Amino acid sequence: MKETYAAVLRKIEEADSIVIGASNGLAISGGYNIFAENAAFIENFGDFREKYGIRSILQGAFYPFPSQEEKWAFFSRMYMYFLENEEVSPTMKNLYELVKDKNYFVITSNTDAHFELAGFSKERLFEFEGNCRKLQCSNSCHDDIYSGDHVLREMAQKQQNGKVPSDLIPQCPKCGGPMQMHVEVDRNFLRDPSWQASYDAYQNFIKTAHGKKLVLLELGVGYRNQLIKAPFMNITNNEEHATYITLNKGEIYIPQEIASKSIGIDGDISAVLAQLVQLK
C-alpha cells in the first residue's frame, strides 16, 4: 500500500493541473452523512423522525412539508448541522494541504459549503447542486442568489415545536413569494449566472489542461454519480498524460480501457488523505 500512496503523491507532485471530483463519500468520511439514520441524525432531527417518519437528511430535504414554518425548521437545522461551528474536518484540511500549492479545480455534488470553508478558492469551485448557505426565489422570478447565513441561523435558534416563527420565513424581495435554499431538491433550482460562470470555469480549466500532465482525483463518488465519474473517465481515456485516481470505501471501479492510467484505493478517505499528507 505504501507504494500505491507514493505513486499517488508522485502523480500529484508532477501534475500541471489537478481536477478534484467529490461526492457524498468525501463528506461521510469527514463525519457528515446525509443518508444515515445515525446518532447525529437522531440528535438533530429526531422530532422530524417521530412526526413524519423521516429517516435521513436526504429524505427530509425532499419531504413535502405541510407548511413553510416546518420546512424552514428542517432546512435551517440542516444548515446548522453542516455549519454550526464552521469547523473544518481533518479530512478537508488534509485535502487542501495536499493540493493547495497546485493548479487545481473542484467539481462537487456536495452542498455543505465545506470546500470554501477549508480554504479552497470559490473561483476554482463548481458546486453543481448548489450550496446550503445560499437562498433563491422559489418561483424563479429572477435569478439572483442571496446569502442565507443570518436568517438560517436565526430560524434554527428561534424555532419551537418543529416550526419557525412566521415572521422569519424569508420572502423574495422581487415577487414577495417564498424563498428556498439554493440546493437542487426540485425543478425550481436556479442555474443562475454564478452557477453558469462556475460551469464555464470548470470547462475552461479542462481545455487549458489539454496535452499537459493532468490528475483527475475522484473522492467518494459512487457509480451512479455519472455527472462526475463519466467525464473523469472520458478525459482520462482521451488525454495522453492524464491519470485517474479514485479513492472510495468499498466501491472502486476502473474500466479496463483506462486501467493503465489509473490508481484506485479502497479505504476510508479520511485515513487515506491523512496518510498522503504525512508522506508528503
C-alpha atoms as a PDB file:
ATOM      1  CA  MET A   1       0.000   0.000   0.000  1.00  0.00           C
ATOM      2  CA  LYS A   2       2.895   2.362   0.728  1.00  0.00           C
ATOM      3  CA  GLU A   3       3.993   2.012  -2.902  1.00  0.00           C
ATOM      4  CA  THR A   4       0.473   2.966  -4.028  1.00  0.00           C
ATOM      5  CA  TYR A   5       0.498   6.058  -1.800  1.00  0.00           C
ATOM      6  CA  ALA A   6       3.920   7.001  -3.153  1.00  0.00           C
ATOM      7  CA  ALA A   7       2.607   6.659  -6.708  1.00  0.00           C
ATOM      8  CA  VAL A   8      -0.370   8.918  -5.915  1.00  0.00           C
ATOM      9  CA  LEU A   9       1.889  11.565  -4.377  1.00  0.00           C
ATOM     10  CA  ARG A  10       4.260  11.417  -7.315  1.00  0.00           C
ATOM     11  CA  LYS A  11       1.423  11.955  -9.787  1.00  0.00           C
ATOM     12  CA  ILE A  12       0.084  14.903  -7.767  1.00  0.00           C
ATOM     13  CA  GLU A  13       3.527  16.488  -7.447  1.00  0.00           C
ATOM     14  CA  GLU A  14       4.256  16.099 -11.168  1.00  0.00           C
ATOM     15  CA  ALA A  15       0.836  17.303 -12.337  1.00  0.00           C
ATOM     16  CA  ASP A  16       0.423  20.555 -14.225  1.00  0.00           C
ATOM     17  CA  SER A  17      -3.275  20.546 -13.294  1.00  0.00           C
ATOM     18  CA  ILE A  18      -5.473  18.680 -10.812  1.00  0.00           C
ATOM     19  CA  VAL A  19      -9.234  18.310 -11.048  1.00  0.00           C
ATOM     20  CA  ILE A  20     -10.906  17.158  -7.831  1.00  0.00           C
ATOM     21  CA  GLY A  21     -14.286  15.469  -8.182  1.00  0.00           C
ATOM     22  CA  ALA A  22     -16.066  14.971  -4.863  1.00  0.00           C
ATOM     23  CA  SER A  23     -19.360  13.496  -3.762  1.00  0.00           C
ATOM     24  CA  ASN A  24     -21.040  12.186  -0.624  1.00  0.00           C
ATOM     25  CA  GLY A  25     -18.330   9.664   0.203  1.00  0.00           C
ATOM     26  CA  LEU A  26     -15.953  12.515   0.982  1.00  0.00           C
ATOM     27  CA  ALA A  27     -18.496  14.200   3.269  1.00  0.00           C
ATOM     28  CA  ILE A  28     -19.211  10.897   5.031  1.00  0.00           C
ATOM     29  CA  SER A  29     -15.508  10.360   5.692  1.00  0.00           C
ATOM     30  CA  GLY A  30     -15.480  13.818   7.306  1.00  0.00           C
ATOM     31  CA  GLY A  31     -18.355  12.908   9.610  1.00  0.00           C
ATOM     32  CA  TYR A  32     -21.366  14.272   7.706  1.00  0.00           C
ATOM     33  CA  ASN A  33     -23.728  11.597   6.416  1.00  0.00           C
ATOM     34  CA  ILE A  34     -26.936  12.724   4.694  1.00  0.00           C
ATOM     35  CA  PHE A  35     -28.037   9.112   4.114  1.00  0.00           C
ATOM     36  CA  ALA A  36     -27.791   7.724   7.641  1.00  0.00           C
ATOM     37  CA  GLU A  37     -30.252   7.339  10.463  1.00  0.00           C
ATOM     38  CA  ASN A  38     -27.363   7.612  12.918  1.00  0.00           C
ATOM     39  CA  ALA A  39     -26.856   9.222  16.325  1.00  0.00           C
ATOM     40  CA  ALA A  40     -26.172  12.639  14.788  1.00  0.00           C
ATOM     41  CA  PHE A  41     -29.411  12.444  12.804  1.00  0.00           C
ATOM     42  CA  ILE A  42     -31.440  11.451  15.871  1.00  0.00           C
ATOM     43  CA  GLU A  43     -29.872  14.268  17.893  1.00  0.00           C
ATOM     44  CA  ASN A  44     -30.539  16.952  15.294  1.00  0.00           C
ATOM     45  CA  PHE A  45     -33.702  15.724  13.557  1.00  0.00           C
ATOM     46  CA  GLY A  46     -35.292  13.209  15.939  1.00  0.00           C
ATOM     47  CA  ASP A  47     -38.550  15.159  16.192  1.00  0.00           C
ATOM     48  CA  PHE A  48     -38.946  15.092  12.405  1.00  0.00           C
ATOM     49  CA  ARG A  49     -38.343  11.351  12.513  1.00  0.00           C
ATOM     50  CA  GLU A  50     -41.069  10.907  15.112  1.00  0.00           C
ATOM     51  CA  LYS A  51     -43.605  13.189  13.434  1.00  0.00           C
ATOM     52  CA  TYR A  52     -43.055  12.448   9.734  1.00  0.00           C
ATOM     53  CA  GLY A  53     -41.062   9.217   9.618  1.00  0.00           C
ATOM     54  CA  ILE A  54     -38.083  10.996   8.059  1.00  0.00           C
ATOM     55  CA  ARG A  55     -35.027   8.777   8.473  1.00  0.00           C
ATOM     56  CA  SER A  56     -32.216  10.743   6.839  1.00  0.00           C
ATOM     57  CA  ILE A  57     -31.246  14.290   5.966  1.00  0.00           C
ATOM     58  CA  LEU A  58     -31.587  13.460   2.279  1.00  0.00           C
ATOM     59  CA  GLN A  59     -35.150  12.221   2.765  1.00  0.00           C
ATOM     60  CA  GLY A  60     -36.002  15.358   4.729  1.00  0.00           C
ATOM     61  CA  ALA A  61     -34.615  17.623   2.017  1.00  0.00           C
ATOM     62  CA  PHE A  62     -37.162  16.174  -0.438  1.00  0.00           C
ATOM     63  CA  TYR A  63     -40.055  15.834   2.027  1.00  0.00           C
ATOM     64  CA  PRO A  64     -43.283  17.757   1.189  1.00  0.00           C
ATOM     65  CA  PHE A  65     -43.692  19.584   4.496  1.00  0.00           C
ATOM     66  CA  PRO A  66     -47.239  20.854   5.144  1.00  0.00           C
ATOM     67  CA  SER A  67     -46.114  24.396   5.934  1.00  0.00           C
ATOM     68  CA  GLN A  68     -43.279  26.857   5.332  1.00  0.00           C
ATOM     69  CA  GLU A  69     -42.770  27.046   9.102  1.00  0.00           C
ATOM     70  CA  GLU A  70     -41.973  23.323   9.248  1.00  0.00           C
ATOM     71  CA  LYS A  71     -39.999  23.298   6.011  1.00  0.00           C
ATOM     72  CA  TRP A  72     -37.689  26.058   7.239  1.00  0.00           C
ATOM     73  CA  ALA A  73     -37.361  24.408  10.642  1.00  0.00           C
ATOM     74  CA  PHE A  74     -35.854  21.410   8.871  1.00  0.00           C
ATOM     75  CA  PHE A  75     -33.668  23.315   6.393  1.00  0.00           C
ATOM     76  CA  SER A  76     -32.322  25.777   8.961  1.00  0.00           C
ATOM     77  CA  ARG A  77     -31.433  22.830  11.189  1.00  0.00           C
ATOM     78  CA  MET A  78     -29.721  21.166   8.220  1.00  0.00           C
ATOM     79  CA  TYR A  79     -27.701  24.341   7.760  1.00  0.00           C
ATOM     80  CA  MET A  80     -26.640  24.241  11.406  1.00  0.00           C
ATOM     81  CA  TYR A  81     -25.758  20.542  11.147  1.00  0.00           C
ATOM     82  CA  PHE A  82     -23.241  21.417   8.439  1.00  0.00           C
ATOM     83  CA  LEU A  83     -22.051  24.817   9.619  1.00  0.00           C
ATOM     84  CA  GLU A  84     -22.935  25.478  13.277  1.00  0.00           C
ATOM     85  CA  ASN A  85     -19.333  25.964  14.391  1.00  0.00           C
ATOM     86  CA  GLU A  86     -17.867  26.488  10.908  1.00  0.00           C
ATOM     87  CA  GLU A  87     -15.300  23.858  11.784  1.00  0.00           C
ATOM     88  CA  VAL A  88     -13.245  22.249   9.049  1.00  0.00           C
ATOM     89  CA  SER A  89     -12.929  18.483   9.314  1.00  0.00           C
ATOM     90  CA  PRO A  90      -9.453  16.914   9.319  1.00  0.00           C
ATOM     91  CA  THR A  91     -10.483  15.266   6.050  1.00  0.00           C
ATOM     92  CA  MET A  92     -10.970  18.618   4.326  1.00  0.00           C
ATOM     93  CA  LYS A  93      -7.878  20.115   5.950  1.00  0.00           C
ATOM     94  CA  ASN A  94      -5.748  17.285   4.611  1.00  0.00           C
ATOM     95  CA  LEU A  95      -7.270  17.507   1.145  1.00  0.00           C
ATOM     96  CA  TYR A  96      -6.492  21.216   0.993  1.00  0.00           C
ATOM     97  CA  GLU A  97      -2.978  20.624   2.294  1.00  0.00           C
ATOM     98  CA  LEU A  98      -2.445  18.054  -0.452  1.00  0.00           C
ATOM     99  CA  VAL A  99      -3.303  20.396  -3.341  1.00  0.00           C
ATOM    100  CA  LYS A 100      -3.125  23.979  -2.038  1.00  0.00           C
ATOM    101  CA  ASP A 101       0.090  24.755  -3.908  1.00  0.00           C
ATOM    102  CA  LYS A 102      -1.076  23.124  -7.150  1.00  0.00           C
ATOM    103  CA  ASN A 103      -3.147  24.360 -10.074  1.00  0.00           C
ATOM    104  CA  TYR A 104      -6.456  22.804  -9.018  1.00  0.00           C
ATOM    105  CA  PHE A 105     -10.177  22.947  -9.715  1.00  0.00           C
ATOM    106  CA  VAL A 106     -13.005  21.313  -7.744  1.00  0.00           C
ATOM    107  CA  ILE A 107     -16.301  19.964  -9.045  1.00  0.00           C
ATOM    108  CA  THR A 108     -18.642  18.613  -6.384  1.00  0.00           C
ATOM    109  CA  SER A 109     -22.218  17.488  -5.830  1.00  0.00           C
ATOM    110  CA  ASN A 110     -21.847  18.197  -2.100  1.00  0.00           C
ATOM    111  CA  THR A 111     -23.906  21.168  -0.907  1.00  0.00           C
ATOM    112  CA  ASP A 112     -22.394  21.518   2.588  1.00  0.00           C
ATOM    113  CA  ALA A 113     -20.154  24.518   1.695  1.00  0.00           C
ATOM    114  CA  HIS A 114     -17.130  22.817   3.286  1.00  0.00           C
ATOM    115  CA  PHE A 115     -14.722  23.323   0.374  1.00  0.00           C
ATOM    116  CA  GLU A 116     -14.671  27.097   0.673  1.00  0.00           C
ATOM    117  CA  LEU A 117     -14.629  26.751   4.463  1.00  0.00           C
ATOM    118  CA  ALA A 118     -11.454  24.648   4.147  1.00  0.00           C
ATOM    119  CA  GLY A 119      -9.689  27.322   2.103  1.00  0.00           C
ATOM    120  CA  PHE A 120     -10.453  26.301  -1.476  1.00  0.00           C
ATOM    121  CA  SER A 121     -10.918  29.296  -3.745  1.00  0.00           C
ATOM    122  CA  LYS A 122     -14.519  29.905  -4.807  1.00  0.00           C
ATOM    123  CA  GLU A 123     -13.186  30.835  -8.260  1.00  0.00           C
ATOM    124  CA  ARG A 124     -11.880  27.259  -8.540  1.00  0.00           C
ATOM    125  CA  LEU A 125     -15.047  25.585  -7.274  1.00  0.00           C
ATOM    126  CA  PHE A 126     -18.154  24.310  -9.101  1.00  0.00           C
ATOM    127  CA  GLU A 127     -20.906  23.198  -6.707  1.00  0.00           C
ATOM    128  CA  PHE A 128     -23.294  21.986  -9.365  1.00  0.00           C
ATOM    129  CA  GLU A 129     -26.109  21.015  -6.982  1.00  0.00           C
ATOM    130  CA  GLY A 130     -25.934  24.264  -5.018  1.00  0.00           C
ATOM    131  CA  ASN A 131     -24.813  25.467  -1.604  1.00  0.00           C
ATOM    132  CA  CYS A 132     -26.716  25.335   1.689  1.00  0.00           C
ATOM    133  CA  ARG A 133     -25.575  28.847   2.646  1.00  0.00           C
ATOM    134  CA  LYS A 134     -27.491  30.413  -0.240  1.00  0.00           C
ATOM    135  CA  LEU A 135     -31.150  31.252  -0.938  1.00  0.00           C
ATOM    136  CA  GLN A 136     -33.168  31.738  -4.118  1.00  0.00           C
ATOM    137  CA  CYS A 137     -36.740  32.617  -5.098  1.00  0.00           C
ATOM    138  CA  SER A 138     -38.952  29.506  -5.145  1.00  0.00           C
ATOM    139  CA  ASN A 139     -40.886  30.977  -8.061  1.00  0.00           C
ATOM    140  CA  SER A 140     -37.667  31.598 -10.013  1.00  0.00           C
ATOM    141  CA  CYS A 141     -38.996  35.077 -10.751  1.00  0.00           C
ATOM    142  CA  HIS A 142     -35.394  36.284 -11.092  1.00  0.00           C
ATOM    143  CA  ASP A 143     -32.014  34.613 -10.923  1.00  0.00           C
ATOM    144  CA  ASP A 144     -30.252  36.445  -8.089  1.00  0.00           C
ATOM    145  CA  ILE A 145     -28.824  34.258  -5.320  1.00  0.00           C
ATOM    146  CA  TYR A 146     -28.715  35.558  -1.751  1.00  0.00           C
ATOM    147  CA  SER A 147     -26.668  34.846   1.363  1.00  0.00           C
ATOM    148  CA  GLY A 148     -28.752  32.913   3.859  1.00  0.00           C
ATOM    149  CA  ASP A 149     -26.330  32.723   6.799  1.00  0.00           C
ATOM    150  CA  HIS A 150     -28.040  35.238   9.079  1.00  0.00           C
ATOM    151  CA  VAL A 151     -31.650  34.199   8.564  1.00  0.00           C
ATOM    152  CA  LEU A 152     -30.881  30.461   8.602  1.00  0.00           C
ATOM    153  CA  ARG A 153     -29.087  30.762  11.937  1.00  0.00           C
ATOM    154  CA  GLU A 154     -31.881  32.871  13.379  1.00  0.00           C
ATOM    155  CA  MET A 155     -34.546  30.388  12.230  1.00  0.00           C
ATOM    156  CA  ALA A 156     -32.602  27.495  13.724  1.00  0.00           C
ATOM    157  CA  GLN A 157     -32.179  29.283  17.042  1.00  0.00           C
ATOM    158  CA  LYS A 158     -35.750  30.586  17.414  1.00  0.00           C
ATOM    159  CA  GLN A 159     -37.840  27.636  16.222  1.00  0.00           C
ATOM    160  CA  GLN A 160     -40.175  25.900  18.621  1.00  0.00           C
ATOM    161  CA  ASN A 161     -42.060  22.613  18.345  1.00  0.00           C
ATOM    162  CA  GLY A 162     -40.594  21.928  14.917  1.00  0.00           C
ATOM    163  CA  LYS A 163     -41.672  25.280  13.458  1.00  0.00           C
ATOM    164  CA  VAL A 164     -40.035  28.647  12.867  1.00  0.00           C
ATOM    165  CA  PRO A 165     -41.850  31.933  13.611  1.00  0.00           C
ATOM    166  CA  SER A 166     -43.796  33.023  10.535  1.00  0.00           C
ATOM    167  CA  ASP A 167     -42.162  36.444  10.501  1.00  0.00           C
ATOM    168  CA  LEU A 168     -38.727  34.856   9.993  1.00  0.00           C
ATOM    169  CA  ILE A 169     -39.671  32.970   6.820  1.00  0.00           C
ATOM    170  CA  PRO A 170     -37.617  34.556   4.015  1.00  0.00           C
ATOM    171  CA  GLN A 171     -39.579  36.171   1.200  1.00  0.00           C
ATOM    172  CA  CYS A 172     -38.442  37.048  -2.297  1.00  0.00           C
ATOM    173  CA  PRO A 173     -37.571  40.761  -2.480  1.00  0.00           C
ATOM    174  CA  LYS A 174     -38.957  40.919  -6.031  1.00  0.00           C
ATOM    175  CA  CYS A 175     -42.226  38.932  -6.093  1.00  0.00           C
ATOM    176  CA  GLY A 176     -42.855  38.516  -2.373  1.00  0.00           C
ATOM    177  CA  GLY A 177     -43.145  34.747  -2.733  1.00  0.00           C
ATOM    178  CA  PRO A 178     -41.351  32.166  -0.596  1.00  0.00           C
ATOM    179  CA  MET A 179     -37.628  31.627  -0.864  1.00  0.00           C
ATOM    180  CA  GLN A 180     -35.888  28.263  -0.777  1.00  0.00           C
ATOM    181  CA  MET A 181     -32.403  27.020  -0.103  1.00  0.00           C
ATOM    182  CA  HIS A 182     -30.260  27.054  -3.253  1.00  0.00           C
ATOM    183  CA  VAL A 183     -29.802  23.282  -3.403  1.00  0.00           C
ATOM    184  CA  GLU A 184     -31.153  21.018  -6.113  1.00  0.00           C
ATOM    185  CA  VAL A 185     -34.156  19.384  -4.470  1.00  0.00           C
ATOM    186  CA  ASP A 186     -36.734  20.270  -7.158  1.00  0.00           C
ATOM    187  CA  ARG A 187     -37.150  21.728 -10.627  1.00  0.00           C
ATOM    188  CA  ASN A 188     -37.022  25.275  -9.260  1.00  0.00           C
ATOM    189  CA  PHE A 189     -33.250  25.054  -8.727  1.00  0.00           C
ATOM    190  CA  LEU A 190     -31.662  28.077 -10.396  1.00  0.00           C
ATOM    191  CA  ARG A 191     -28.683  27.751 -12.656  1.00  0.00           C
ATOM    192  CA  ASP A 192     -28.007  31.425 -12.183  1.00  0.00           C
ATOM    193  CA  PRO A 193     -25.160  33.476 -13.709  1.00  0.00           C
ATOM    194  CA  SER A 194     -22.786  32.489 -10.894  1.00  0.00           C
ATOM    195  CA  TRP A 195     -23.621  28.793 -11.469  1.00  0.00           C
ATOM    196  CA  GLN A 196     -23.010  29.236 -15.188  1.00  0.00           C
ATOM    197  CA  ALA A 197     -19.756  31.084 -14.533  1.00  0.00           C
ATOM    198  CA  SER A 198     -18.531  28.214 -12.346  1.00  0.00           C
ATOM    199  CA  TYR A 199     -19.507  25.699 -15.016  1.00  0.00           C
ATOM    200  CA  ASP A 200     -17.662  27.718 -17.675  1.00  0.00           C
ATOM    201  CA  ALA A 201     -14.589  27.999 -15.424  1.00  0.00           C
ATOM    202  CA  TYR A 202     -14.584  24.217 -14.998  1.00  0.00           C
ATOM    203  CA  GLN A 203     -14.823  23.647 -18.759  1.00  0.00           C
ATOM    204  CA  ASN A 204     -12.084  26.193 -19.427  1.00  0.00           C
ATOM    205  CA  PHE A 205      -9.837  24.548 -16.850  1.00  0.00           C
ATOM    206  CA  ILE A 206     -10.199  21.204 -18.634  1.00  0.00           C
ATOM    207  CA  LYS A 207      -9.488  22.807 -22.010  1.00  0.00           C
ATOM    208  CA  THR A 208      -6.391  24.566 -20.693  1.00  0.00           C
ATOM    209  CA  ALA A 209      -5.105  21.276 -19.282  1.00  0.00           C
ATOM    210  CA  HIS A 210      -5.230  19.609 -22.708  1.00  0.00           C
ATOM    211  CA  GLY A 211      -1.985  17.886 -23.591  1.00  0.00           C
ATOM    212  CA  LYS A 212      -0.447  18.503 -20.158  1.00  0.00           C
ATOM    213  CA  LYS A 213       0.048  16.305 -17.111  1.00  0.00           C
ATOM    214  CA  LEU A 214      -3.429  16.131 -15.623  1.00  0.00           C
ATOM    215  CA  VAL A 215      -4.593  14.330 -12.485  1.00  0.00           C
ATOM    216  CA  LEU A 216      -8.281  13.604 -12.010  1.00  0.00           C
ATOM    217  CA  LEU A 217      -8.696  12.970  -8.282  1.00  0.00           C
ATOM    218  CA  GLU A 218     -12.073  11.395  -7.555  1.00  0.00           C
ATOM    219  CA  LEU A 219     -13.185  11.276  -3.915  1.00  0.00           C
ATOM    220  CA  GLY A 220     -16.170   9.305  -2.672  1.00  0.00           C
ATOM    221  CA  VAL A 221     -18.051   9.271  -5.958  1.00  0.00           C
ATOM    222  CA  GLY A 222     -20.474   6.386  -6.267  1.00  0.00           C
ATOM    223  CA  TYR A 223     -21.033   4.566  -9.538  1.00  0.00           C
ATOM    224  CA  ARG A 224     -24.439   6.225 -10.002  1.00  0.00           C
ATOM    225  CA  ASN A 225     -22.950   9.736  -9.892  1.00  0.00           C
ATOM    226  CA  GLN A 226     -22.148   9.814 -13.594  1.00  0.00           C
ATOM    227  CA  LEU A 227     -22.059  13.625 -13.695  1.00  0.00           C
ATOM    228  CA  ILE A 228     -18.586  13.394 -12.186  1.00  0.00           C
ATOM    229  CA  LYS A 229     -17.410   9.849 -12.861  1.00  0.00           C
ATOM    230  CA  ALA A 230     -18.205   9.548 -16.588  1.00  0.00           C
ATOM    231  CA  PRO A 231     -16.468  12.813 -17.629  1.00  0.00           C
ATOM    232  CA  PHE A 232     -13.439  11.939 -15.485  1.00  0.00           C
ATOM    233  CA  MET A 233     -13.106   8.564 -17.184  1.00  0.00           C
ATOM    234  CA  ASN A 234     -13.610  10.031 -20.651  1.00  0.00           C
ATOM    235  CA  ILE A 235     -10.997  12.719 -20.043  1.00  0.00           C
ATOM    236  CA  THR A 236      -8.566  10.093 -18.770  1.00  0.00           C
ATOM    237  CA  ASN A 237      -9.164   7.994 -21.865  1.00  0.00           C
ATOM    238  CA  ASN A 238      -8.748  10.919 -24.266  1.00  0.00           C
ATOM    239  CA  GLU A 239      -5.838  12.769 -22.644  1.00  0.00           C
ATOM    240  CA  GLU A 240      -2.446  11.164 -23.238  1.00  0.00           C
ATOM    241  CA  HIS A 241      -0.906  12.446 -19.994  1.00  0.00           C
ATOM    242  CA  ALA A 242      -3.926  12.102 -17.703  1.00  0.00           C
ATOM    243  CA  THR A 243      -4.053   9.975 -14.557  1.00  0.00           C
ATOM    244  CA  TYR A 244      -7.303   8.902 -12.883  1.00  0.00           C
ATOM    245  CA  ILE A 245      -7.008   8.478  -9.105  1.00  0.00           C
ATOM    246  CA  THR A 246     -10.100   7.248  -7.282  1.00  0.00           C
ATOM    247  CA  LEU A 247     -10.493   6.964  -3.508  1.00  0.00           C
ATOM    248  CA  ASN A 248     -13.602   5.323  -2.096  1.00  0.00           C
ATOM    249  CA  LYS A 249     -14.614   2.872   0.592  1.00  0.00           C
ATOM    250  CA  GLY A 250     -15.959  -0.407  -0.719  1.00  0.00           C
ATOM    251  CA  GLU A 251     -16.601   0.857  -4.238  1.00  0.00           C
ATOM    252  CA  ILE A 252     -13.713   1.120  -6.675  1.00  0.00           C
ATOM    253  CA  TYR A 253     -14.463   0.794 -10.367  1.00  0.00           C
ATOM    254  CA  ILE A 254     -11.831   1.292 -13.063  1.00  0.00           C
ATOM    255  CA  PRO A 255     -12.661   0.288 -16.656  1.00  0.00           C
ATOM    256  CA  GLN A 256     -10.094  -1.795 -18.481  1.00  0.00           C
ATOM    257  CA  GLU A 257      -9.693   0.954 -21.098  1.00  0.00           C
ATOM    258  CA  ILE A 258      -8.060   3.304 -18.577  1.00  0.00           C
ATOM    259  CA  ALA A 259      -6.610   0.777 -16.105  1.00  0.00           C
ATOM    260  CA  SER A 260      -3.020   1.517 -17.133  1.00  0.00           C
ATOM    261  CA  LYS A 261      -3.563   5.218 -16.395  1.00  0.00           C
ATOM    262  CA  SER A 262      -5.446   4.762 -13.114  1.00  0.00           C
ATOM    263  CA  ILE A 263      -4.864   4.228  -9.399  1.00  0.00           C
ATOM    264  CA  GLY A 264      -7.620   3.076  -7.060  1.00  0.00           C
ATOM    265  CA  ILE A 265      -7.507   2.966  -3.262  1.00  0.00           C
ATOM    266  CA  ASP A 266     -10.313   1.174  -1.446  1.00  0.00           C
ATOM    267  CA  GLY A 267     -10.426   2.544   2.087  1.00  0.00           C
ATOM    268  CA  ASP A 268     -11.596   5.307   4.384  1.00  0.00           C
ATOM    269  CA  ILE A 269     -10.910   8.546   2.535  1.00  0.00           C
ATOM    270  CA  SER A 270     -10.092  10.430   5.715  1.00  0.00           C
ATOM    271  CA  ALA A 271      -7.402   7.912   6.676  1.00  0.00           C
ATOM    272  CA  VAL A 272      -6.004   7.800   3.128  1.00  0.00           C
ATOM    273  CA  LEU A 273      -5.708  11.599   2.885  1.00  0.00           C
ATOM    274  CA  ALA A 274      -4.064  11.771   6.312  1.00  0.00           C
ATOM    275  CA  GLN A 275      -1.525   9.186   5.216  1.00  0.00           C
ATOM    276  CA  LEU A 276      -0.813  11.009   1.963  1.00  0.00           C
ATOM    277  CA  VAL A 277      -0.218  14.313   3.784  1.00  0.00           C
ATOM    278  CA  GLN A 278       2.026  12.571   6.298  1.00  0.00           C
ATOM    279  CA  LEU A 279       4.140  11.134   3.487  1.00  0.00           C
ATOM    280  CA  LYS A 280       4.190  14.390   1.522  1.00  0.00           C
END
